[in-house]
């Protein structure tokens, strides 16, 4: 799947190596070839200071620098004010989503997620290509996401992607 995805520089920030591997695989399936990773918020912040990324997938709870603090810091950087940031977290807590969106998260995705759910979130952020306009506008009703029946289920459910 060649095209615009080949040119986009993506950063995954997650302290779970398994989730990084899973997200990297999904991104590869979607045609993203420039995928970088950071093991925590501090590592991610160092990477965004030294390289420009076009999309960031951010875990919410991480050691060293929490996702909220990463969002605050990055949204103050002129070159990152409009870069899409998708918070990907296991916490299905409405207050966390509201806070993330108020701090500039472009989308919010609950783990475990289906491949097509991540694909839809990425398409959505590039359709609008801007962070939340205001906290009130940003906190829309989230799309219903399937929830795993147990912690033993896979973190990502395989679903066919169009064109893949």
C-alpha atoms as a PDB file:
ATOM      1  CA  UNK A   1       0.000   0.000   0.000  1.00  0.00           C
ATOM      2  CA  UNK A   2       2.168   2.841  -1.297  1.00  0.00           C
ATOM      3  CA  UNK A   3       1.305   6.496  -1.294  1.00  0.00           C
ATOM      4  CA  UNK A   4       1.152   9.392   1.144  1.00  0.00           C
ATOM      5  CA  UNK A   5       1.822   7.107   4.118  1.00  0.00           C
ATOM      6  CA  UNK A   6       5.357   6.451   2.835  1.00  0.00           C
ATOM      7  CA  UNK A   7       6.311  10.062   3.492  1.00  0.00           C
ATOM      8  CA  UNK A   8       4.766  10.497   6.922  1.00  0.00           C
ATOM      9  CA  UNK A   9       7.019  10.292   9.967  1.00  0.00           C
ATOM     10  CA  UNK A  10       5.181   8.533  12.830  1.00  0.00           C
ATOM     11  CA  UNK A  11       6.178   8.325  16.502  1.00  0.00           C
ATOM     12  CA  UNK A  12       4.741   5.675  18.837  1.00  0.00           C
ATOM     13  CA  UNK A  13       5.194   6.518  22.534  1.00  0.00           C
ATOM     14  CA  UNK A  14       4.291   3.604  24.777  1.00  0.00           C
ATOM     15  CA  UNK A  15       6.026   1.903  27.695  1.00  0.00           C
ATOM     16  CA  UNK A  16       4.597  -1.490  26.676  1.00  0.00           C
ATOM     17  CA  UNK A  17       6.913  -3.155  24.185  1.00  0.00           C
ATOM     18  CA  UNK A  18       4.076  -5.455  23.116  1.00  0.00           C
ATOM     19  CA  UNK A  19       1.846  -2.497  22.231  1.00  0.00           C
ATOM     20  CA  UNK A  20       4.664  -0.852  20.269  1.00  0.00           C
ATOM     21  CA  UNK A  21       5.121  -4.064  18.265  1.00  0.00           C
ATOM     22  CA  UNK A  22       1.368  -4.327  17.648  1.00  0.00           C
ATOM     23  CA  UNK A  23       0.954  -0.687  16.610  1.00  0.00           C
ATOM     24  CA  UNK A  24       4.047  -0.846  14.405  1.00  0.00           C
ATOM     25  CA  UNK A  25       2.600  -3.923  12.631  1.00  0.00           C
ATOM     26  CA  UNK A  26      -0.754  -2.216  12.074  1.00  0.00           C
ATOM     27  CA  UNK A  27       0.958   0.914  10.760  1.00  0.00           C
ATOM     28  CA  UNK A  28       3.098  -1.177   8.409  1.00  0.00           C
ATOM     29  CA  UNK A  29      -0.084  -2.833   7.095  1.00  0.00           C
ATOM     30  CA  UNK A  30      -1.510   0.638   6.491  1.00  0.00           C
ATOM     31  CA  UNK A  31       1.568   1.625   4.494  1.00  0.00           C
ATOM     32  CA  UNK A  32       3.493   3.667   7.057  1.00  0.00           C
ATOM     33  CA  UNK A  33       7.202   2.973   6.637  1.00  0.00           C
ATOM     34  CA  UNK A  34       8.778   5.716   8.768  1.00  0.00           C
ATOM     35  CA  UNK A  35       7.760   4.549  12.235  1.00  0.00           C
ATOM     36  CA  UNK A  36       9.814   5.472  15.299  1.00  0.00           C
ATOM     37  CA  UNK A  37       9.285   4.550  18.917  1.00  0.00           C
ATOM     38  CA  UNK A  38       9.858   5.989  22.366  1.00  0.00           C
ATOM     39  CA  UNK A  39       9.696   3.916  25.544  1.00  0.00           C
ATOM     40  CA  UNK A  40       8.171   6.638  27.748  1.00  0.00           C
ATOM     41  CA  UNK A  41       7.086  10.272  27.751  1.00  0.00           C
ATOM     42  CA  UNK A  42      10.568  11.585  28.509  1.00  0.00           C
ATOM     43  CA  UNK A  43      12.066   9.629  25.595  1.00  0.00           C
ATOM     44  CA  UNK A  44       9.215  10.854  23.375  1.00  0.00           C
ATOM     45  CA  UNK A  45       9.775  14.469  24.355  1.00  0.00           C
ATOM     46  CA  UNK A  46      13.481  14.166  23.529  1.00  0.00           C
ATOM     47  CA  UNK A  47      12.602  12.700  20.121  1.00  0.00           C
ATOM     48  CA  UNK A  48      10.130  15.461  19.195  1.00  0.00           C
ATOM     49  CA  UNK A  49      12.719  18.082  20.147  1.00  0.00           C
ATOM     50  CA  UNK A  50      15.200  16.544  17.691  1.00  0.00           C
ATOM     51  CA  UNK A  51      12.993  15.381  14.819  1.00  0.00           C
ATOM     52  CA  UNK A  52       9.738  16.457  13.185  1.00  0.00           C
ATOM     53  CA  UNK A  53       6.914  13.893  13.235  1.00  0.00           C
ATOM     54  CA  UNK A  54       3.657  14.001  11.268  1.00  0.00           C
ATOM     55  CA  UNK A  55       1.638  11.765  13.602  1.00  0.00           C
ATOM     56  CA  UNK A  56       2.077  10.735  17.248  1.00  0.00           C
ATOM     57  CA  UNK A  57       0.440   7.735  18.940  1.00  0.00           C
ATOM     58  CA  UNK A  58       0.660   8.405  22.671  1.00  0.00           C
ATOM     59  CA  UNK A  59       0.029   6.157  25.667  1.00  0.00           C
ATOM     60  CA  UNK A  60      -1.631   8.022  28.549  1.00  0.00           C
ATOM     61  CA  UNK A  61      -0.033   6.390  31.626  1.00  0.00           C
ATOM     62  CA  UNK A  62       3.744   6.078  31.356  1.00  0.00           C
ATOM     63  CA  UNK A  63       6.750   6.413  33.639  1.00  0.00           C
ATOM     64  CA  UNK A  64       8.928   9.542  33.777  1.00  0.00           C
ATOM     65  CA  UNK A  65       6.558  11.857  31.868  1.00  0.00           C
ATOM     66  CA  UNK A  66       2.811  11.167  31.888  1.00  0.00           C
ATOM     67  CA  UNK A  67       0.839  11.472  28.641  1.00  0.00           C
ATOM     68  CA  UNK A  68      -0.887  14.628  29.941  1.00  0.00           C
ATOM     69  CA  UNK A  69       2.460  16.321  30.607  1.00  0.00           C
ATOM     70  CA  UNK A  70       3.769  15.234  27.209  1.00  0.00           C
ATOM     71  CA  UNK A  71       0.684  16.763  25.540  1.00  0.00           C
ATOM     72  CA  UNK A  72       1.090  20.042  27.435  1.00  0.00           C
ATOM     73  CA  UNK A  73       4.769  20.332  26.503  1.00  0.00           C
ATOM     74  CA  UNK A  74       4.351  19.364  22.851  1.00  0.00           C
ATOM     75  CA  UNK A  75       1.360  21.615  22.206  1.00  0.00           C
ATOM     76  CA  UNK A  76       3.472  24.575  23.386  1.00  0.00           C
ATOM     77  CA  UNK A  77       6.029  23.846  20.636  1.00  0.00           C
ATOM     78  CA  UNK A  78       5.262  25.941  17.560  1.00  0.00           C
ATOM     79  CA  UNK A  79       6.062  23.119  15.117  1.00  0.00           C
ATOM     80  CA  UNK A  80       3.743  20.688  16.950  1.00  0.00           C
ATOM     81  CA  UNK A  81       0.638  22.836  17.464  1.00  0.00           C
ATOM     82  CA  UNK A  82      -1.233  21.095  14.613  1.00  0.00           C
ATOM     83  CA  UNK A  83       0.458  17.687  14.450  1.00  0.00           C
ATOM     84  CA  UNK A  84      -2.168  14.988  15.080  1.00  0.00           C
ATOM     85  CA  UNK A  85      -1.763  13.171  18.397  1.00  0.00           C
ATOM     86  CA  UNK A  86      -3.862  10.072  19.066  1.00  0.00           C
ATOM     87  CA  UNK A  87      -3.976   8.996  22.703  1.00  0.00           C
ATOM     88  CA  UNK A  88      -4.043   5.182  22.832  1.00  0.00           C
ATOM     89  CA  UNK A  89      -4.831   3.924  26.324  1.00  0.00           C
ATOM     90  CA  UNK A  90      -6.298   0.986  28.211  1.00  0.00           C
ATOM     91  CA  UNK A  91      -8.269   3.378  30.424  1.00  0.00           C
ATOM     92  CA  UNK A  92     -11.842   3.825  29.290  1.00  0.00           C
ATOM     93  CA  UNK A  93     -12.434   6.772  31.614  1.00  0.00           C
ATOM     94  CA  UNK A  94     -14.475   9.688  30.300  1.00  0.00           C
ATOM     95  CA  UNK A  95     -12.630  12.252  32.462  1.00  0.00           C
ATOM     96  CA  UNK A  96      -9.282  11.143  30.988  1.00  0.00           C
ATOM     97  CA  UNK A  97     -10.609  11.515  27.465  1.00  0.00           C
ATOM     98  CA  UNK A  98     -11.972  14.992  28.230  1.00  0.00           C
ATOM     99  CA  UNK A  99      -8.646  15.998  29.773  1.00  0.00           C
ATOM    100  CA  UNK A 100      -6.638  14.597  26.861  1.00  0.00           C
ATOM    101  CA  UNK A 101      -8.796  16.412  24.318  1.00  0.00           C
ATOM    102  CA  UNK A 102      -8.681  19.656  26.306  1.00  0.00           C
ATOM    103  CA  UNK A 103      -4.867  19.436  26.234  1.00  0.00           C
ATOM    104  CA  UNK A 104      -4.816  18.985  22.459  1.00  0.00           C
ATOM    105  CA  UNK A 105      -5.267  15.286  21.728  1.00  0.00           C
ATOM    106  CA  UNK A 106      -6.724  14.902  18.260  1.00  0.00           C
ATOM    107  CA  UNK A 107      -8.306  11.498  18.963  1.00  0.00           C
ATOM    108  CA  UNK A 108      -8.660   8.996  21.787  1.00  0.00           C
ATOM    109  CA  UNK A 109      -8.540   5.227  21.265  1.00  0.00           C
ATOM    110  CA  UNK A 110      -9.159   2.541  23.887  1.00  0.00           C
ATOM    111  CA  UNK A 111      -6.971  -0.582  24.088  1.00  0.00           C
ATOM    112  CA  UNK A 112      -7.652  -3.254  23.069  1.00  0.00           C
ATOM    113  CA  UNK A 113      -8.647  -1.942  19.670  1.00  0.00           C
ATOM    114  CA  UNK A 114      -9.389  -3.377  16.258  1.00  0.00           C
ATOM    115  CA  UNK A 115      -7.006  -2.605  13.426  1.00  0.00           C
ATOM    116  CA  UNK A 116      -9.744  -0.818  11.532  1.00  0.00           C
ATOM    117  CA  UNK A 117     -10.466   1.367  14.598  1.00  0.00           C
ATOM    118  CA  UNK A 118      -6.877   2.671  14.556  1.00  0.00           C
ATOM    119  CA  UNK A 119      -7.131   3.131  10.796  1.00  0.00           C
ATOM    120  CA  UNK A 120     -10.341   5.157  11.223  1.00  0.00           C
ATOM    121  CA  UNK A 121      -8.771   7.376  13.913  1.00  0.00           C
ATOM    122  CA  UNK A 122      -5.759   8.065  11.684  1.00  0.00           C
ATOM    123  CA  UNK A 123      -8.004   8.892   8.731  1.00  0.00           C
ATOM    124  CA  UNK A 124     -10.081  11.174  10.963  1.00  0.00           C
ATOM    125  CA  UNK A 125      -7.086  13.189  12.196  1.00  0.00           C
ATOM    126  CA  UNK A 126      -5.786  13.710   8.684  1.00  0.00           C
ATOM    127  CA  UNK A 127      -9.247  14.674   7.447  1.00  0.00           C
ATOM    128  CA  UNK A 128      -9.302  17.530   9.980  1.00  0.00           C
ATOM    129  CA  UNK A 129      -5.491  17.895  10.487  1.00  0.00           C
ATOM    130  CA  UNK A 130      -5.852  20.011  13.610  1.00  0.00           C
ATOM    131  CA  UNK A 131      -5.920  19.512  17.364  1.00  0.00           C
ATOM    132  CA  UNK A 132      -9.083  20.176  19.333  1.00  0.00           C
ATOM    133  CA  UNK A 133     -10.474  23.646  18.641  1.00  0.00           C
ATOM    134  CA  UNK A 134     -11.930  24.043  22.105  1.00  0.00           C
ATOM    135  CA  UNK A 135     -12.463  21.554  24.896  1.00  0.00           C
ATOM    136  CA  UNK A 136     -16.237  21.766  24.392  1.00  0.00           C
ATOM    137  CA  UNK A 137     -16.038  21.073  20.646  1.00  0.00           C
ATOM    138  CA  UNK A 138     -13.485  18.334  21.140  1.00  0.00           C
ATOM    139  CA  UNK A 139     -15.480  16.257  23.611  1.00  0.00           C
ATOM    140  CA  UNK A 140     -17.964  14.683  21.255  1.00  0.00           C
ATOM    141  CA  UNK A 141     -19.615  11.375  21.893  1.00  0.00           C
ATOM    142  CA  UNK A 142     -16.947   8.751  21.149  1.00  0.00           C
ATOM    143  CA  UNK A 143     -17.764   5.985  18.704  1.00  0.00           C
ATOM    144  CA  UNK A 144     -18.645   2.735  20.408  1.00  0.00           C
ATOM    145  CA  UNK A 145     -15.567   0.534  20.580  1.00  0.00           C
ATOM    146  CA  UNK A 146     -15.824  -3.193  21.172  1.00  0.00           C
ATOM    147  CA  UNK A 147     -14.479  -4.207  24.549  1.00  0.00           C
ATOM    148  CA  UNK A 148     -12.492  -7.375  25.091  1.00  0.00           C
ATOM    149  CA  UNK A 149     -14.216  -9.973  27.212  1.00  0.00           C
ATOM    150  CA  UNK A 150     -11.041 -10.739  29.165  1.00  0.00           C
ATOM    151  CA  UNK A 151      -7.492  -9.515  29.635  1.00  0.00           C
ATOM    152  CA  UNK A 152      -6.335 -12.690  27.859  1.00  0.00           C
ATOM    153  CA  UNK A 153      -7.809 -11.578  24.556  1.00  0.00           C
ATOM    154  CA  UNK A 154      -5.443 -10.092  22.026  1.00  0.00           C
ATOM    155  CA  UNK A 155      -4.697  -6.392  22.430  1.00  0.00           C
ATOM    156  CA  UNK A 156      -5.692  -5.870  18.807  1.00  0.00           C
ATOM    157  CA  UNK A 157      -8.337  -7.811  16.973  1.00  0.00           C
ATOM    158  CA  UNK A 158      -7.477  -8.567  13.349  1.00  0.00           C
ATOM    159  CA  UNK A 159      -9.983  -7.180  10.871  1.00  0.00           C
ATOM    160  CA  UNK A 160      -9.560  -6.861   7.139  1.00  0.00           C
ATOM    161  CA  UNK A 161      -8.567  -3.391   5.963  1.00  0.00           C
ATOM    162  CA  UNK A 162      -9.842  -2.012   2.699  1.00  0.00           C
ATOM    163  CA  UNK A 163      -7.140  -2.094   0.078  1.00  0.00           C
ATOM    164  CA  UNK A 164      -4.770  -4.082   2.277  1.00  0.00           C
END
